[in-house]
């Protein structure tokens, strides 16, 4: 297990073996999820749900719910009976 320490200059230095493939002067975004700190390469695409506000997510859900659904055949009533689930 590696131990990280903040130097006298206030900088957290991470040993290169903990970030394989990172080049000198690589930039990372820091995110905290619970008690875990996540380093993500800066500029990497973030999923919509991480970068949007709650209002934007709600509006996207409303647009999805209002979107026309593809035409599909109806289920036969026997398919909806409890006994038909296990067949």
PDB file of N, CA and C in Angstrom:
ATOM      1  N   UNK A   1       0.848  -1.174   0.000  1.00  0.00           N
ATOM      2  CA  UNK A   1       0.000   0.000   0.000  1.00  0.00           C
ATOM      3  C   UNK A   1       0.892   1.234   0.000  1.00  0.00           C
ATOM      4  N   UNK A   2       0.592   2.162  -0.880  1.00  0.00           N
ATOM      5  CA  UNK A   2       1.362   3.399  -0.971  1.00  0.00           C
ATOM      6  C   UNK A   2       0.790   4.438  -0.007  1.00  0.00           C
ATOM      7  N   UNK A   3       1.673   5.280   0.490  1.00  0.00           N
ATOM      8  CA  UNK A   3       1.274   6.380   1.363  1.00  0.00           C
ATOM      9  C   UNK A   3       1.589   7.679   0.639  1.00  0.00           C
ATOM     10  N   UNK A   4       0.601   8.556   0.555  1.00  0.00           N
ATOM     11  CA  UNK A   4       0.791   9.857  -0.081  1.00  0.00           C
ATOM     12  C   UNK A   4       0.946  10.907   1.000  1.00  0.00           C
ATOM     13  N   UNK A   5       1.748  11.908   0.697  1.00  0.00           N
ATOM     14  CA  UNK A   5       2.003  12.958   1.681  1.00  0.00           C
ATOM     15  C   UNK A   5       2.068  14.301   0.970  1.00  0.00           C
ATOM     16  N   UNK A   6       1.521  15.318   1.628  1.00  0.00           N
ATOM     17  CA  UNK A   6       1.591  16.677   1.091  1.00  0.00           C
ATOM     18  C   UNK A   6       2.917  17.271   1.525  1.00  0.00           C
ATOM     19  N   UNK A   7       3.653  17.819   0.553  1.00  0.00           N
ATOM     20  CA  UNK A   7       4.954  18.405   0.852  1.00  0.00           C
ATOM     21  C   UNK A   7       4.836  19.775   1.498  1.00  0.00           C
ATOM     22  N   UNK A   8       5.980  20.352   1.864  1.00  0.00           N
ATOM     23  CA  UNK A   8       6.013  21.681   2.482  1.00  0.00           C
ATOM     24  C   UNK A   8       5.437  22.754   1.560  1.00  0.00           C
ATOM     25  N   UNK A   9       5.447  22.485   0.255  1.00  0.00           N
ATOM     26  CA  UNK A   9       4.922  23.452  -0.704  1.00  0.00           C
ATOM     27  C   UNK A   9       3.411  23.329  -0.875  1.00  0.00           C
ATOM     28  N   UNK A  10       2.760  22.391  -0.132  1.00  0.00           N
ATOM     29  CA  UNK A  10       1.314  22.212  -0.217  1.00  0.00           C
ATOM     30  C   UNK A  10       0.867  21.356  -1.385  1.00  0.00           C
ATOM     31  N   UNK A  11       1.806  20.695  -2.025  1.00  0.00           N
ATOM     32  CA  UNK A  11       1.499  19.891  -3.204  1.00  0.00           C
ATOM     33  C   UNK A  11       1.477  18.419  -2.817  1.00  0.00           C
ATOM     34  N   UNK A  12       0.461  17.716  -3.308  1.00  0.00           N
ATOM     35  CA  UNK A  12       0.381  16.272  -3.109  1.00  0.00           C
ATOM     36  C   UNK A  12       1.126  15.605  -4.251  1.00  0.00           C
ATOM     37  N   UNK A  13       2.168  14.896  -3.940  1.00  0.00           N
ATOM     38  CA  UNK A  13       2.973  14.200  -4.948  1.00  0.00           C
ATOM     39  C   UNK A  13       2.565  12.741  -4.975  1.00  0.00           C
ATOM     40  N   UNK A  14       2.169  12.262  -6.166  1.00  0.00           N
ATOM     41  CA  UNK A  14       1.745  10.875  -6.344  1.00  0.00           C
ATOM     42  C   UNK A  14       2.854  10.141  -7.088  1.00  0.00           C
ATOM     43  N   UNK A  15       3.363   9.055  -6.530  1.00  0.00           N
ATOM     44  CA  UNK A  15       4.418   8.298  -7.209  1.00  0.00           C
ATOM     45  C   UNK A  15       3.940   7.811  -8.575  1.00  0.00           C
ATOM     46  N   UNK A  16       4.838   7.828  -9.547  1.00  0.00           N
ATOM     47  CA  UNK A  16       4.469   7.480 -10.923  1.00  0.00           C
ATOM     48  C   UNK A  16       3.980   6.037 -11.054  1.00  0.00           C
ATOM     49  N   UNK A  17       4.410   5.140 -10.185  1.00  0.00           N
ATOM     50  CA  UNK A  17       3.949   3.758 -10.295  1.00  0.00           C
ATOM     51  C   UNK A  17       2.465   3.621  -9.950  1.00  0.00           C
ATOM     52  N   UNK A  18       1.880   4.615  -9.289  1.00  0.00           N
ATOM     53  CA  UNK A  18       0.449   4.581  -8.996  1.00  0.00           C
ATOM     54  C   UNK A  18      -0.386   5.058 -10.172  1.00  0.00           C
ATOM     55  N   UNK A  19       0.214   5.769 -11.111  1.00  0.00           N
ATOM     56  CA  UNK A  19      -0.487   6.263 -12.301  1.00  0.00           C
ATOM     57  C   UNK A  19       0.265   5.800 -13.548  1.00  0.00           C
ATOM     58  N   UNK A  20       0.208   4.505 -13.849  1.00  0.00           N
ATOM     59  CA  UNK A  20       0.955   4.018 -15.002  1.00  0.00           C
ATOM     60  C   UNK A  20       0.476   4.682 -16.288  1.00  0.00           C
ATOM     61  N   UNK A  21       1.401   5.027 -17.120  1.00  0.00           N
ATOM     62  CA  UNK A  21       1.060   5.641 -18.402  1.00  0.00           C
ATOM     63  C   UNK A  21       0.926   7.151 -18.349  1.00  0.00           C
ATOM     64  N   UNK A  22       0.958   7.750 -17.171  1.00  0.00           N
ATOM     65  CA  UNK A  22       0.853   9.203 -17.071  1.00  0.00           C
ATOM     66  C   UNK A  22       2.195   9.828 -17.433  1.00  0.00           C
ATOM     67  N   UNK A  23       2.148  10.818 -18.295  1.00  0.00           N
ATOM     68  CA  UNK A  23       3.360  11.522 -18.716  1.00  0.00           C
ATOM     69  C   UNK A  23       3.611  12.700 -17.773  1.00  0.00           C
ATOM     70  N   UNK A  24       4.798  13.264 -17.839  1.00  0.00           N
ATOM     71  CA  UNK A  24       5.113  14.439 -17.030  1.00  0.00           C
ATOM     72  C   UNK A  24       4.144  15.562 -17.388  1.00  0.00           C
ATOM     73  N   UNK A  25       3.703  16.288 -16.406  1.00  0.00           N
ATOM     74  CA  UNK A  25       2.785  17.422 -16.543  1.00  0.00           C
ATOM     75  C   UNK A  25       1.385  17.009 -16.991  1.00  0.00           C
ATOM     76  N   UNK A  26       1.034  15.731 -16.817  1.00  0.00           N
ATOM     77  CA  UNK A  26      -0.333  15.296 -17.109  1.00  0.00           C
ATOM     78  C   UNK A  26      -1.267  15.979 -16.114  1.00  0.00           C
ATOM     79  N   UNK A  27      -2.458  16.309 -16.579  1.00  0.00           N
ATOM     80  CA  UNK A  27      -3.436  16.980 -15.720  1.00  0.00           C
ATOM     81  C   UNK A  27      -4.586  16.016 -15.428  1.00  0.00           C
ATOM     82  N   UNK A  28      -5.063  16.056 -14.193  1.00  0.00           N
ATOM     83  CA  UNK A  28      -6.149  15.188 -13.756  1.00  0.00           C
ATOM     84  C   UNK A  28      -7.202  16.012 -13.039  1.00  0.00           C
ATOM     85  N   UNK A  29      -8.456  15.609 -13.209  1.00  0.00           N
ATOM     86  CA  UNK A  29      -9.547  16.177 -12.429  1.00  0.00           C
ATOM     87  C   UNK A  29      -9.708  15.305 -11.196  1.00  0.00           C
ATOM     88  N   UNK A  30      -9.951  15.931 -10.065  1.00  0.00           N
ATOM     89  CA  UNK A  30     -10.102  15.204  -8.811  1.00  0.00           C
ATOM     90  C   UNK A  30     -11.577  15.220  -8.435  1.00  0.00           C
ATOM     91  N   UNK A  31     -12.106  14.047  -8.120  1.00  0.00           N
ATOM     92  CA  UNK A  31     -13.505  13.922  -7.731  1.00  0.00           C
ATOM     93  C   UNK A  31     -13.551  13.070  -6.477  1.00  0.00           C
ATOM     94  N   UNK A  32     -14.433  13.410  -5.558  1.00  0.00           N
ATOM     95  CA  UNK A  32     -14.577  12.634  -4.338  1.00  0.00           C
ATOM     96  C   UNK A  32     -15.920  11.926  -4.377  1.00  0.00           C
ATOM     97  N   UNK A  33     -15.889  10.610  -4.244  1.00  0.00           N
ATOM     98  CA  UNK A  33     -17.089   9.799  -4.219  1.00  0.00           C
ATOM     99  C   UNK A  33     -17.092   9.074  -2.876  1.00  0.00           C
ATOM    100  N   UNK A  34     -17.894   9.576  -1.940  1.00  0.00           N
ATOM    101  CA  UNK A  34     -17.879   9.015  -0.588  1.00  0.00           C
ATOM    102  C   UNK A  34     -16.527   9.282   0.044  1.00  0.00           C
ATOM    103  N   UNK A  35     -15.841   8.224   0.441  1.00  0.00           N
ATOM    104  CA  UNK A  35     -14.510   8.393   1.037  1.00  0.00           C
ATOM    105  C   UNK A  35     -13.402   8.003   0.060  1.00  0.00           C
ATOM    106  N   UNK A  36     -13.734   7.972  -1.243  1.00  0.00           N
ATOM    107  CA  UNK A  36     -12.765   7.611  -2.275  1.00  0.00           C
ATOM    108  C   UNK A  36     -12.465   8.834  -3.131  1.00  0.00           C
ATOM    109  N   UNK A  37     -11.192   9.081  -3.391  1.00  0.00           N
ATOM    110  CA  UNK A  37     -10.775  10.161  -4.275  1.00  0.00           C
ATOM    111  C   UNK A  37     -10.443   9.560  -5.634  1.00  0.00           C
ATOM    112  N   UNK A  38     -11.060  10.124  -6.676  1.00  0.00           N
ATOM    113  CA  UNK A  38     -10.890   9.606  -8.035  1.00  0.00           C
ATOM    114  C   UNK A  38     -10.116  10.626  -8.853  1.00  0.00           C
ATOM    115  N   UNK A  39      -9.066  10.169  -9.537  1.00  0.00           N
ATOM    116  CA  UNK A  39      -8.311  11.005 -10.463  1.00  0.00           C
ATOM    117  C   UNK A  39      -8.698  10.599 -11.875  1.00  0.00           C
ATOM    118  N   UNK A  40      -9.159  11.555 -12.654  1.00  0.00           N
ATOM    119  CA  UNK A  40      -9.592  11.316 -14.033  1.00  0.00           C
ATOM    120  C   UNK A  40      -8.788  12.231 -14.933  1.00  0.00           C
ATOM    121  N   UNK A  41      -8.257  11.719 -16.051  1.00  0.00           N
ATOM    122  CA  UNK A  41      -7.516  12.603 -16.946  1.00  0.00           C
ATOM    123  C   UNK A  41      -8.352  13.828 -17.310  1.00  0.00           C
ATOM    124  N   UNK A  42      -7.766  15.004 -17.200  1.00  0.00           N
ATOM    125  CA  UNK A  42      -8.483  16.244 -17.495  1.00  0.00           C
ATOM    126  C   UNK A  42      -8.911  16.255 -18.948  1.00  0.00           C
ATOM    127  N   UNK A  43     -10.109  16.728 -19.191  1.00  0.00           N
ATOM    128  CA  UNK A  43     -10.627  16.818 -20.542  1.00  0.00           C
ATOM    129  C   UNK A  43     -11.313  15.553 -21.018  1.00  0.00           C
ATOM    130  N   UNK A  44     -11.269  14.483 -20.232  1.00  0.00           N
ATOM    131  CA  UNK A  44     -11.959  13.254 -20.630  1.00  0.00           C
ATOM    132  C   UNK A  44     -13.459  13.494 -20.573  1.00  0.00           C
ATOM    133  N   UNK A  45     -14.179  12.909 -21.508  1.00  0.00           N
ATOM    134  CA  UNK A  45     -15.632  13.091 -21.554  1.00  0.00           C
ATOM    135  C   UNK A  45     -16.258  12.497 -20.296  1.00  0.00           C
ATOM    136  N   UNK A  46     -17.129  13.277 -19.678  1.00  0.00           N
ATOM    137  CA  UNK A  46     -17.838  12.813 -18.488  1.00  0.00           C
ATOM    138  C   UNK A  46     -19.262  12.470 -18.877  1.00  0.00           C
ATOM    139  N   UNK A  47     -19.849  11.466 -18.249  1.00  0.00           N
ATOM    140  CA  UNK A  47     -21.218  11.095 -18.594  1.00  0.00           C
ATOM    141  C   UNK A  47     -22.195  12.225 -18.286  1.00  0.00           C
ATOM    142  N   UNK A  48     -23.293  12.259 -19.031  1.00  0.00           N
ATOM    143  CA  UNK A  48     -24.284  13.325 -18.877  1.00  0.00           C
ATOM    144  C   UNK A  48     -24.742  13.471 -17.435  1.00  0.00           C
ATOM    145  N   UNK A  49     -24.998  12.354 -16.766  1.00  0.00           N
ATOM    146  CA  UNK A  49     -25.538  12.429 -15.406  1.00  0.00           C
ATOM    147  C   UNK A  49     -24.541  13.022 -14.420  1.00  0.00           C
ATOM    148  N   UNK A  50     -23.236  13.019 -14.736  1.00  0.00           N
ATOM    149  CA  UNK A  50     -22.233  13.604 -13.837  1.00  0.00           C
ATOM    150  C   UNK A  50     -22.028  15.085 -14.096  1.00  0.00           C
ATOM    151  N   UNK A  51     -22.296  15.546 -15.320  1.00  0.00           N
ATOM    152  CA  UNK A  51     -21.993  16.935 -15.642  1.00  0.00           C
ATOM    153  C   UNK A  51     -23.229  17.814 -15.681  1.00  0.00           C
ATOM    154  N   UNK A  52     -24.432  17.235 -15.580  1.00  0.00           N
ATOM    155  CA  UNK A  52     -25.651  18.019 -15.697  1.00  0.00           C
ATOM    156  C   UNK A  52     -26.229  18.345 -14.324  1.00  0.00           C
ATOM    157  N   UNK A  53     -27.045  19.381 -14.306  1.00  0.00           N
ATOM    158  CA  UNK A  53     -27.728  19.759 -13.069  1.00  0.00           C
ATOM    159  C   UNK A  53     -28.957  18.872 -12.897  1.00  0.00           C
ATOM    160  N   UNK A  54     -29.529  18.817 -11.701  1.00  0.00           N
ATOM    161  CA  UNK A  54     -30.757  18.036 -11.518  1.00  0.00           C
ATOM    162  C   UNK A  54     -31.881  18.483 -12.454  1.00  0.00           C
ATOM    163  N   UNK A  55     -31.999  19.781 -12.695  1.00  0.00           N
ATOM    164  CA  UNK A  55     -33.048  20.275 -13.595  1.00  0.00           C
ATOM    165  C   UNK A  55     -32.805  19.784 -15.023  1.00  0.00           C
ATOM    166  N   UNK A  56     -31.554  19.751 -15.469  1.00  0.00           N
ATOM    167  CA  UNK A  56     -31.240  19.264 -16.816  1.00  0.00           C
ATOM    168  C   UNK A  56     -31.531  17.773 -16.935  1.00  0.00           C
ATOM    169  N   UNK A  57     -31.223  17.006 -15.882  1.00  0.00           N
ATOM    170  CA  UNK A  57     -31.515  15.571 -15.907  1.00  0.00           C
ATOM    171  C   UNK A  57     -33.022  15.331 -15.938  1.00  0.00           C
ATOM    172  N   UNK A  58     -33.778  16.126 -15.168  1.00  0.00           N
ATOM    173  CA  UNK A  58     -35.235  15.982 -15.158  1.00  0.00           C
ATOM    174  C   UNK A  58     -35.816  16.304 -16.530  1.00  0.00           C
ATOM    175  N   UNK A  59     -35.328  17.352 -17.169  1.00  0.00           N
ATOM    176  CA  UNK A  59     -35.816  17.724 -18.498  1.00  0.00           C
ATOM    177  C   UNK A  59     -35.470  16.640 -19.520  1.00  0.00           C
ATOM    178  N   UNK A  60     -34.284  16.070 -19.436  1.00  0.00           N
ATOM    179  CA  UNK A  60     -33.901  14.988 -20.352  1.00  0.00           C
ATOM    180  C   UNK A  60     -34.804  13.784 -20.146  1.00  0.00           C
ATOM    181  N   UNK A  61     -35.169  13.480 -18.910  1.00  0.00           N
ATOM    182  CA  UNK A  61     -36.071  12.367 -18.636  1.00  0.00           C
ATOM    183  C   UNK A  61     -37.453  12.645 -19.217  1.00  0.00           C
ATOM    184  N   UNK A  62     -37.930  13.881 -19.062  1.00  0.00           N
ATOM    185  CA  UNK A  62     -39.243  14.232 -19.629  1.00  0.00           C
ATOM    186  C   UNK A  62     -39.238  14.085 -21.152  1.00  0.00           C
ATOM    187  N   UNK A  63     -38.169  14.537 -21.796  1.00  0.00           N
ATOM    188  CA  UNK A  63     -38.082  14.392 -23.255  1.00  0.00           C
ATOM    189  C   UNK A  63     -38.088  12.918 -23.649  1.00  0.00           C
ATOM    190  N   UNK A  64     -37.371  12.086 -22.893  1.00  0.00           N
ATOM    191  CA  UNK A  64     -37.343  10.656 -23.175  1.00  0.00           C
ATOM    192  C   UNK A  64     -38.734  10.050 -22.995  1.00  0.00           C
ATOM    193  N   UNK A  65     -39.432  10.427 -21.909  1.00  0.00           N
ATOM    194  CA  UNK A  65     -40.758   9.872 -21.643  1.00  0.00           C
ATOM    195  C   UNK A  65     -41.766  10.310 -22.699  1.00  0.00           C
ATOM    196  N   UNK A  66     -41.615  11.501 -23.241  1.00  0.00           N
ATOM    197  CA  UNK A  66     -42.547  12.023 -24.240  1.00  0.00           C
ATOM    198  C   UNK A  66     -42.211  11.580 -25.661  1.00  0.00           C
ATOM    199  N   UNK A  67     -41.063  10.985 -25.852  1.00  0.00           N
ATOM    200  CA  UNK A  67     -40.641  10.572 -27.201  1.00  0.00           C
ATOM    201  C   UNK A  67     -41.538   9.441 -27.695  1.00  0.00           C
ATOM    202  N   UNK A  68     -41.825   9.406 -28.991  1.00  0.00           N
ATOM    203  CA  UNK A  68     -42.654   8.320 -29.520  1.00  0.00           C
ATOM    204  C   UNK A  68     -41.955   6.975 -29.363  1.00  0.00           C
ATOM    205  N   UNK A  69     -42.721   5.985 -29.035  1.00  0.00           N
ATOM    206  CA  UNK A  69     -42.183   4.636 -28.849  1.00  0.00           C
ATOM    207  C   UNK A  69     -42.318   3.845 -30.148  1.00  0.00           C
ATOM    208  N   UNK A  70     -41.412   2.934 -30.382  1.00  0.00           N
ATOM    209  CA  UNK A  70     -41.527   2.109 -31.595  1.00  0.00           C
ATOM    210  C   UNK A  70     -42.766   1.221 -31.515  1.00  0.00           C
ATOM    211  N   UNK A  71     -43.304   0.920 -32.670  1.00  0.00           N
ATOM    212  CA  UNK A  71     -44.482   0.069 -32.741  1.00  0.00           C
ATOM    213  C   UNK A  71     -44.077  -1.365 -32.401  1.00  0.00           C
ATOM    214  N   UNK A  72     -44.742  -1.935 -31.420  1.00  0.00           N
ATOM    215  CA  UNK A  72     -44.472  -3.312 -31.024  1.00  0.00           C
ATOM    216  C   UNK A  72     -45.796  -4.046 -30.862  1.00  0.00           C
ATOM    217  N   UNK A  73     -45.807  -5.351 -31.050  1.00  0.00           N
ATOM    218  CA  UNK A  73     -47.053  -6.096 -30.868  1.00  0.00           C
ATOM    219  C   UNK A  73     -47.437  -6.151 -29.388  1.00  0.00           C
ATOM    220  N   UNK A  74     -48.739  -6.213 -29.148  1.00  0.00           N
ATOM    221  CA  UNK A  74     -49.224  -6.340 -27.777  1.00  0.00           C
ATOM    222  C   UNK A  74     -48.887  -7.716 -27.232  1.00  0.00           C
ATOM    223  N   UNK A  75     -48.734  -7.791 -25.917  1.00  0.00           N
ATOM    224  CA  UNK A  75     -48.511  -9.085 -25.277  1.00  0.00           C
ATOM    225  C   UNK A  75     -49.839  -9.811 -25.156  1.00  0.00           C
ATOM    226  N   UNK A  76     -49.779 -11.089 -25.360  1.00  0.00           N
ATOM    227  CA  UNK A  76     -50.976 -11.908 -25.194  1.00  0.00           C
ATOM    228  C   UNK A  76     -51.326 -11.920 -23.702  1.00  0.00           C
ATOM    229  N   UNK A  77     -52.609 -11.887 -23.335  1.00  0.00           N
ATOM    230  CA  UNK A  77     -52.995 -11.873 -21.914  1.00  0.00           C
ATOM    231  C   UNK A  77     -52.400 -13.014 -21.102  1.00  0.00           C
ATOM    232  N   UNK A  78     -52.199 -14.184 -21.730  1.00  0.00           N
ATOM    233  CA  UNK A  78     -51.603 -15.307 -20.984  1.00  0.00           C
ATOM    234  C   UNK A  78     -50.172 -15.004 -20.547  1.00  0.00           C
ATOM    235  N   UNK A  79     -49.492 -14.125 -21.272  1.00  0.00           N
ATOM    236  CA  UNK A  79     -48.118 -13.765 -20.912  1.00  0.00           C
ATOM    237  C   UNK A  79     -48.070 -12.931 -19.639  1.00  0.00           C
ATOM    238  N   UNK A  80     -49.173 -12.281 -19.322  1.00  0.00           N
ATOM    239  CA  UNK A  80     -49.202 -11.401 -18.169  1.00  0.00           C
ATOM    240  C   UNK A  80     -49.689 -12.100 -16.903  1.00  0.00           C
ATOM    241  N   UNK A  81     -50.090 -13.360 -17.024  1.00  0.00           N
ATOM    242  CA  UNK A  81     -50.531 -14.092 -15.848  1.00  0.00           C
ATOM    243  C   UNK A  81     -49.333 -14.611 -15.077  1.00  0.00           C
ATOM    244  N   UNK A  82     -49.485 -14.706 -13.787  1.00  0.00           N
ATOM    245  CA  UNK A  82     -48.399 -15.155 -12.915  1.00  0.00           C
ATOM    246  C   UNK A  82     -47.855 -16.524 -13.337  1.00  0.00           C
ATOM    247  N   UNK A  83     -48.745 -17.422 -13.719  1.00  0.00           N
ATOM    248  CA  UNK A  83     -48.324 -18.773 -14.071  1.00  0.00           C
ATOM    249  C   UNK A  83     -47.464 -18.768 -15.344  1.00  0.00           C
ATOM    250  N   UNK A  84     -47.696 -17.789 -16.212  1.00  0.00           N
ATOM    251  CA  UNK A  84     -46.951 -17.725 -17.470  1.00  0.00           C
ATOM    252  C   UNK A  84     -45.529 -17.228 -17.315  1.00  0.00           C
ATOM    253  N   UNK A  85     -45.209 -16.645 -16.187  1.00  0.00           N
ATOM    254  CA  UNK A  85     -43.873 -16.083 -15.979  1.00  0.00           C
ATOM    255  C   UNK A  85     -42.823 -17.202 -15.923  1.00  0.00           C
ATOM    256  N   UNK A  86     -43.205 -18.346 -15.391  1.00  0.00           N
ATOM    257  CA  UNK A  86     -42.233 -19.396 -15.132  1.00  0.00           C
ATOM    258  C   UNK A  86     -42.118 -20.405 -16.271  1.00  0.00           C
ATOM    259  N   UNK A  87     -42.857 -20.198 -17.339  1.00  0.00           N
ATOM    260  CA  UNK A  87     -42.805 -21.133 -18.472  1.00  0.00           C
ATOM    261  C   UNK A  87     -41.678 -20.817 -19.398  1.00  0.00           C
TER     262      UNK A  87
END
